[in-house]
């Protein structure tokens, strides 16, 4: 089965993915910070019993991963594939993960909250991500009985999440807006609207690969549906601005030359650092979307973005790689992905 990030979605030339997270807690039980390891394991057992009950409507969806039993490298690989938050890996005692076969849905158990449900989709598919998260949330609430206050909404460890307990986000590829400095201006204008636009991997400045994450900051006083609608509207405006900025940028022959040179490096490099890969693939992705480079499917690029990260390369190799070995294997994987791709070919997966 293909992973979710190996597929293409709507508006894939700008929108990489959408994600919806729902923080939930069990009634009458202290937040994880107030539990010892034994208490956390009891919460984990309660959640697993509900999910894998023979009458459960979701028992066939998930498999369970015991975070305590994983080696450090295996745990970091999960974070690289966005199945867990990086902070979730600190102090893994009593923590677990439920994950679907295609990795589009997962549940982090005993992080800041008892239960963090996550649904991810490729492209600009925020409604689909929300629908899946809401469906799983509704099913599991029937057996787990999440803590809810009629006035405050869902009770969460963080006051910032009171209300819906939801953080929705869209990852956007914004090379033109980043190059012009417009991304920073847009980010500043969004703060009063309860939206956050930050560079992925480098929140303080321009990130490697020009990937930015747009997310909601307000959860109290808005319904989940209203929050999703607002985020989708703002994301659509940013996508339109990025396209307009690209149309201005691609007029220059220097931009086309840079894109062609970047593709040449990816096709021939024998050593490739991860940061260098991100910068090069960003320029190539831009050139493909603009139409002056042959298209390799966005699903192929999405797969590379996950697969060539350091911990996942080590995991695939089955051992700890030296820095040069890691760079060499990354270069091999990237060259193979681009070999023989002249017109989209097998890399253009569509939505299937």
Protein backbone atom coordinates (compact mmCIF):
# COMPACT_ATOMS: atom_id res chain seq x y z
CA UNK A 1 0.00 0.00 0.00
CA UNK A 2 1.24 3.47 -0.87
CA UNK A 3 1.90 5.85 1.99
CA UNK A 4 -0.15 9.05 2.03
CA UNK A 5 2.89 11.17 1.12
CA UNK A 6 3.55 9.09 -2.01
CA UNK A 7 0.32 10.37 -3.56
CA UNK A 8 -0.69 13.66 -5.14
CA UNK A 9 -3.52 15.88 -4.01
CA UNK A 10 -5.23 19.09 -5.07
CA UNK A 11 -3.04 22.15 -5.76
CA UNK A 12 0.08 19.99 -5.31
CA UNK A 13 2.31 22.46 -7.12
CA UNK A 14 2.05 24.73 -4.05
CA UNK A 15 0.31 22.75 -1.30
CA UNK A 16 2.34 19.81 0.00
CA UNK A 17 -0.04 18.43 2.63
CA UNK A 18 -2.80 19.11 5.13
CA UNK A 19 -2.93 17.92 8.73
CA UNK A 20 -5.54 17.99 11.51
CA UNK A 21 -4.66 17.16 15.12
CA UNK A 22 -7.20 16.71 17.91
CA UNK A 23 -6.03 16.73 21.54
CA UNK A 24 -8.24 14.70 23.86
CA UNK A 25 -8.14 13.48 27.47
CA UNK A 26 -9.99 10.80 29.39
CA UNK A 27 -12.50 11.87 32.00
CA UNK A 28 -11.50 11.70 35.65
CA UNK A 29 -7.83 10.92 35.00
CA UNK A 30 -4.98 13.43 35.59
CA UNK A 31 -3.11 14.74 32.57
CA UNK A 32 -0.03 12.65 31.67
CA UNK A 33 2.28 15.12 33.47
CA UNK A 34 0.52 14.14 36.69
CA UNK A 35 0.87 10.39 36.16
CA UNK A 36 3.75 8.08 36.95
CA UNK A 37 4.87 5.49 34.40
CA UNK A 38 2.42 2.90 35.76
CA UNK A 39 -0.43 5.38 35.47
CA UNK A 40 0.49 6.20 31.90
CA UNK A 41 0.56 2.52 31.01
CA UNK A 42 -2.94 2.11 32.45
CA UNK A 43 -4.15 4.94 30.23
CA UNK A 44 -2.42 3.31 27.26
CA UNK A 45 -4.04 -0.03 28.02
CA UNK A 46 -7.46 1.63 28.27
CA UNK A 47 -7.01 3.26 24.87
CA UNK A 48 -5.71 0.06 23.26
CA UNK A 49 -8.59 -1.96 24.71
CA UNK A 50 -11.08 0.48 23.18
CA UNK A 51 -9.34 0.57 19.78
CA UNK A 52 -8.72 -3.16 19.41
CA UNK A 53 -11.98 -4.41 20.93
CA UNK A 54 -13.55 -7.02 18.68
CA UNK A 55 -16.57 -4.75 18.21
CA UNK A 56 -14.51 -1.65 17.47
CA UNK A 57 -15.08 0.01 14.11
CA UNK A 58 -11.42 1.06 13.93
CA UNK A 59 -9.59 -2.09 15.07
CA UNK A 60 -8.61 -2.92 11.47
CA UNK A 61 -7.14 0.54 10.84
CA UNK A 62 -4.37 0.74 13.42
CA UNK A 63 -1.33 -1.15 14.60
CA UNK A 64 0.29 -0.36 17.94
CA UNK A 65 3.90 0.77 18.39
CA UNK A 66 5.37 0.67 21.91
CA UNK A 67 7.62 3.74 22.11
CA UNK A 68 9.46 2.33 25.13
CA UNK A 69 10.75 -0.65 23.16
CA UNK A 70 12.11 1.30 20.19
CA UNK A 71 15.75 2.16 19.67
CA UNK A 72 16.48 5.88 19.50
CA UNK A 73 17.03 5.81 15.75
CA UNK A 74 13.71 4.05 15.13
CA UNK A 75 11.90 6.62 17.26
CA UNK A 76 13.53 9.56 15.45
CA UNK A 77 12.55 8.00 12.11
CA UNK A 78 8.90 8.18 13.22
CA UNK A 79 9.30 11.90 13.94
CA UNK A 80 10.93 12.46 10.55
CA UNK A 81 7.88 10.87 8.89
CA UNK A 82 5.65 13.17 10.98
CA UNK A 83 4.01 10.35 12.91
CA UNK A 84 5.02 11.84 16.25
CA UNK A 85 6.06 15.30 17.40
CA UNK A 86 9.75 15.63 18.21
CA UNK A 87 8.97 16.46 21.85
CA UNK A 88 6.98 13.24 22.13
CA UNK A 89 10.24 11.27 21.98
CA UNK A 90 11.60 12.76 25.22
CA UNK A 91 10.82 10.46 28.15
CA UNK A 92 9.17 7.65 26.20
CA UNK A 93 8.13 5.59 29.24
CA UNK A 94 4.42 4.85 29.08
CA UNK A 95 4.06 6.33 25.62
CA UNK A 96 2.73 4.56 22.56
CA UNK A 97 1.59 5.16 19.01
CA UNK A 98 -1.33 3.89 16.98
CA UNK A 99 -0.67 4.16 13.25
CA UNK A 100 -2.56 3.23 10.09
CA UNK A 101 -0.97 1.21 7.31
CA UNK A 102 -0.59 4.18 4.98
CA UNK A 103 0.53 6.39 7.90
CA UNK A 104 -2.18 8.95 7.16
CA UNK A 105 -3.79 8.49 10.59
CA UNK A 106 -2.12 8.05 13.94
CA UNK A 107 -2.71 8.53 17.66
CA UNK A 108 0.03 9.65 20.04
CA UNK A 109 -0.69 8.24 23.51
CA UNK A 110 0.45 10.01 26.70
CA UNK A 111 2.21 13.02 25.26
CA UNK A 112 1.07 16.34 26.70
CA UNK A 113 -2.47 14.93 26.56
CA UNK A 114 -3.71 11.36 26.87
CA UNK A 115 -4.64 11.25 23.24
CA UNK A 116 -3.49 13.21 20.18
CA UNK A 117 -5.26 12.09 17.03
CA UNK A 118 -3.68 13.12 13.72
CA UNK A 119 -4.92 12.81 10.14
CA UNK A 120 -2.78 13.81 7.14
CA UNK A 121 -3.58 14.10 3.44
CA UNK A 122 -1.52 15.08 0.37
CA UNK A 123 -2.01 18.44 -1.33
CA UNK A 124 -4.62 21.03 -0.42
CA UNK A 125 -7.02 18.49 1.10
CA UNK A 126 -7.78 20.12 4.45
CA UNK A 127 -11.47 19.19 4.38
CA UNK A 128 -10.58 15.54 3.81
CA UNK A 129 -8.07 15.54 6.67
CA UNK A 130 -10.63 17.11 9.00
CA UNK A 131 -13.36 14.67 7.92
CA UNK A 132 -11.15 11.67 8.72
CA UNK A 133 -10.00 13.09 12.06
CA UNK A 134 -13.58 13.93 13.01
CA UNK A 135 -14.79 10.45 12.00
CA UNK A 136 -12.18 8.69 14.12
CA UNK A 137 -12.74 11.11 17.01
CA UNK A 138 -16.49 10.44 17.01
CA UNK A 139 -16.02 6.67 16.98
CA UNK A 140 -13.45 6.63 19.77
CA UNK A 141 -15.34 9.10 21.97
CA UNK A 142 -18.18 6.58 22.28
CA UNK A 143 -15.93 4.13 24.13
CA UNK A 144 -13.31 6.43 25.69
CA UNK A 145 -15.55 9.32 26.80
CA UNK A 146 -13.30 12.32 26.31
CA UNK A 147 -13.21 15.08 28.93
CA UNK A 148 -15.56 17.88 27.82
CA UNK A 149 -16.97 20.96 29.53
CA UNK A 150 -20.16 22.57 28.15
CA UNK A 151 -18.66 26.05 28.44
CA UNK A 152 -14.95 25.46 27.80
CA UNK A 153 -15.17 22.62 25.30
CA UNK A 154 -12.57 19.83 25.27
CA UNK A 155 -10.29 19.94 28.30
CA UNK A 156 -6.63 19.88 27.38
CA UNK A 157 -3.27 20.19 29.12
CA UNK A 158 -2.53 23.45 27.29
CA UNK A 159 -4.96 26.35 27.88
CA UNK A 160 -4.24 27.43 24.31
CA UNK A 161 -6.02 24.30 23.04
CA UNK A 162 -9.16 24.68 25.18
CA UNK A 163 -12.30 24.56 23.06
CA UNK A 164 -11.90 22.41 20.00
CA UNK A 165 -8.52 21.00 21.03
CA UNK A 166 -7.73 21.19 17.33
CA UNK A 167 -4.69 22.36 15.42
CA UNK A 168 -5.17 22.29 11.66
CA UNK A 169 -2.34 23.07 9.27
CA UNK A 170 -1.35 23.20 5.62
CA UNK A 171 2.26 22.85 4.46
CA UNK A 172 2.99 25.17 1.55
CA UNK A 173 5.92 25.43 -0.86
CA UNK A 174 6.51 29.19 -1.16
CA UNK A 175 9.83 29.78 -2.95
CA UNK A 176 8.64 32.92 -4.78
CA UNK A 177 7.11 34.58 -1.71
CA UNK A 178 10.17 33.66 0.36
CA UNK A 179 12.53 35.05 -2.29
CA UNK A 180 10.68 38.39 -2.42
CA UNK A 181 10.35 38.69 1.36
CA UNK A 182 6.55 38.64 1.08
CA UNK A 183 6.27 35.47 3.19
CA UNK A 184 7.51 37.36 6.27
CA UNK A 185 5.06 40.22 5.67
CA UNK A 186 2.15 37.81 5.25
CA UNK A 187 3.14 35.98 8.44
CA UNK A 188 3.09 39.24 10.43
CA UNK A 189 -0.33 40.19 9.04
CA UNK A 190 -1.81 36.81 9.96
CA UNK A 191 -0.94 36.92 13.66
CA UNK A 192 -3.85 39.24 14.62
CA UNK A 193 -6.19 36.91 12.72
CA UNK A 194 -5.24 33.94 14.88
CA UNK A 195 -3.13 32.29 12.18
CA UNK A 196 0.53 31.28 12.26
CA UNK A 197 2.77 31.01 9.19
CA UNK A 198 6.21 29.65 10.04
CA UNK A 199 9.08 28.08 8.17
CA UNK A 200 9.25 24.31 8.65
CA UNK A 201 12.57 23.37 10.26
CA UNK A 202 13.66 26.98 10.77
CA UNK A 203 10.84 29.04 12.33
CA UNK A 204 13.11 32.07 12.85
CA UNK A 205 14.10 32.52 9.21
CA UNK A 206 13.81 31.21 5.67
CA UNK A 207 13.67 27.42 5.93
CA UNK A 208 15.50 24.89 3.81
CA UNK A 209 13.28 24.08 0.84
CA UNK A 210 11.06 27.17 1.31
CA UNK A 211 8.44 25.05 3.08
CA UNK A 212 6.07 26.96 5.36
CA UNK A 213 3.32 25.72 7.67
CA UNK A 214 0.09 27.67 8.04
CA UNK A 215 -1.87 26.73 11.18
CA UNK A 216 -4.65 28.02 13.40
CA UNK A 217 -3.81 29.55 16.80
CA UNK A 218 -7.35 30.04 18.14
CA UNK A 219 -9.35 27.08 19.49
CA UNK A 220 -11.70 28.76 21.98
CA UNK A 221 -14.88 30.39 20.70
CA UNK A 222 -14.74 28.76 17.27
CA UNK A 223 -16.17 25.46 16.13
CA UNK A 224 -13.89 22.94 14.44
CA UNK A 225 -15.70 23.57 11.16
CA UNK A 226 -15.28 27.35 11.43
CA UNK A 227 -11.57 26.98 12.18
CA UNK A 228 -11.06 24.69 9.18
CA UNK A 229 -13.04 27.03 6.90
CA UNK A 230 -11.00 30.05 7.99
CA UNK A 231 -7.70 28.23 7.54
CA UNK A 232 -8.71 26.96 4.12
CA UNK A 233 -9.67 30.47 3.00
CA UNK A 234 -6.37 31.99 4.13
CA UNK A 235 -4.36 29.13 2.62
CA UNK A 236 -6.16 29.63 -0.69
CA UNK A 237 -5.21 33.31 -0.68
CA UNK A 238 -1.55 32.49 0.00
CA UNK A 239 -1.55 29.90 -2.78
CA UNK A 240 -2.90 32.53 -5.20
CA UNK A 241 -0.23 35.03 -4.09
CA UNK A 242 2.52 32.43 -4.54
CA UNK A 243 1.32 31.67 -8.06
CA UNK A 244 1.29 35.36 -8.96
CA UNK A 245 4.79 35.78 -7.54
CA UNK A 246 5.99 32.76 -9.51
CA UNK A 247 4.61 34.17 -12.74
CA UNK A 248 6.72 37.28 -12.21
CA UNK A 249 9.80 35.31 -11.17
CA UNK A 250 9.90 32.81 -14.04
CA UNK A 251 10.32 35.53 -16.66
CA UNK A 252 14.02 35.70 -15.89
CA UNK A 253 16.36 33.33 -17.72
CA UNK A 254 18.56 33.16 -14.60
CA UNK A 255 15.76 31.44 -12.65
CA UNK A 256 15.33 28.84 -15.38
CA UNK A 257 19.10 28.31 -15.47
CA UNK A 258 19.25 27.81 -11.69
CA UNK A 259 16.44 25.25 -11.86
CA UNK A 260 18.16 23.32 -14.65
CA UNK A 261 21.48 23.32 -12.81
CA UNK A 262 19.77 22.13 -9.62
CA UNK A 263 18.16 19.23 -11.47
CA UNK A 264 21.54 18.37 -12.96
CA UNK A 265 23.12 18.16 -9.50
CA UNK A 266 20.33 15.91 -8.19
CA UNK A 267 20.76 13.61 -11.20
CA UNK A 268 24.55 13.33 -10.89
CA UNK A 269 25.62 14.02 -7.29
CA UNK A 270 27.55 11.28 -5.49
CA UNK A 271 27.38 12.96 -2.06
CA UNK A 272 24.33 14.89 -0.94
CA UNK A 273 23.61 16.45 2.45
CA UNK A 274 20.01 16.66 3.59
CA UNK A 275 19.93 20.46 3.79
CA UNK A 276 21.48 20.69 0.33
CA UNK A 277 18.90 18.22 -0.98
CA UNK A 278 16.05 20.31 0.41
CA UNK A 279 17.32 23.47 -1.23
CA UNK A 280 17.87 21.76 -4.58
CA UNK A 281 14.56 19.88 -4.63
CA UNK A 282 12.77 23.13 -3.81
CA UNK A 283 14.19 24.82 -6.90
CA UNK A 284 13.51 21.74 -9.06
CA UNK A 285 9.94 21.45 -7.76
CA UNK A 286 9.43 25.12 -8.63
CA UNK A 287 10.80 24.55 -12.13
CA UNK A 288 8.54 21.56 -12.68
CA UNK A 289 5.47 23.49 -11.55
CA UNK A 290 6.44 26.39 -13.83
CA UNK A 291 6.68 24.02 -16.77
CA UNK A 292 10.29 24.57 -17.80
CA UNK A 293 11.57 21.31 -16.28
CA UNK A 294 10.28 17.81 -17.04
CA UNK A 295 7.78 16.79 -14.39
CA UNK A 296 8.52 14.08 -11.89
CA UNK A 297 5.35 13.32 -9.93
CA UNK A 298 4.86 15.27 -6.73
CA UNK A 299 4.25 11.95 -5.01
CA UNK A 300 7.78 10.89 -5.93
CA UNK A 301 9.13 14.12 -4.44
CA UNK A 302 6.99 13.63 -1.33
CA UNK A 303 8.40 10.15 -0.92
CA UNK A 304 11.96 11.47 -1.24
CA UNK A 305 11.32 14.17 1.37
CA UNK A 306 10.50 11.44 3.88
CA UNK A 307 12.84 8.68 2.77
CA UNK A 308 16.17 10.55 2.57
CA UNK A 309 16.04 12.08 6.05
CA UNK A 310 18.94 10.94 8.23
CA UNK A 311 17.21 8.55 10.66
CA UNK A 312 15.14 6.94 7.92
CA UNK A 313 18.25 6.33 5.81
CA UNK A 314 19.91 4.69 8.82
CA UNK A 315 16.78 2.64 9.46
CA UNK A 316 16.65 1.45 5.85
CA UNK A 317 20.35 0.57 5.95
CA UNK A 318 19.87 -1.36 9.18
CA UNK A 319 22.85 0.27 10.87
CA UNK A 320 24.30 3.61 11.93
CA UNK A 321 25.84 5.24 8.89
CA UNK A 322 28.84 7.53 8.86
CA UNK A 323 28.22 11.05 7.56
CA UNK A 324 29.79 10.26 4.18
CA UNK A 325 27.89 6.97 3.89
CA UNK A 326 24.64 8.78 4.61
CA UNK A 327 25.39 11.42 1.97
CA UNK A 328 26.36 8.75 -0.57
CA UNK A 329 23.23 6.66 -0.02
CA UNK A 330 21.03 9.78 -0.16
CA UNK A 331 22.61 10.72 -3.49
CA UNK A 332 22.04 7.16 -4.79
CA UNK A 333 18.36 7.23 -3.79
CA UNK A 334 17.80 10.63 -5.39
CA UNK A 335 19.59 9.72 -8.63
CA UNK A 336 17.52 6.55 -8.89
CA UNK A 337 14.29 8.51 -8.38
CA UNK A 338 15.14 10.87 -11.24
CA UNK A 339 16.60 8.27 -13.59
CA UNK A 340 14.64 7.99 -16.81
CA UNK A 341 11.95 10.52 -15.77
CA UNK A 342 11.31 12.55 -18.91
CA UNK A 343 7.59 13.33 -18.91
CA UNK A 344 6.17 12.46 -15.50
CA UNK A 345 6.16 8.73 -16.26
CA UNK A 346 5.79 6.34 -13.34
CA UNK A 347 6.43 9.14 -10.88
CA UNK A 348 3.19 10.95 -11.75
CA UNK A 349 0.88 9.02 -9.46
CA UNK A 350 -2.16 11.25 -9.54
CA UNK A 351 -4.59 10.72 -6.67
CA UNK A 352 -4.60 6.94 -6.72
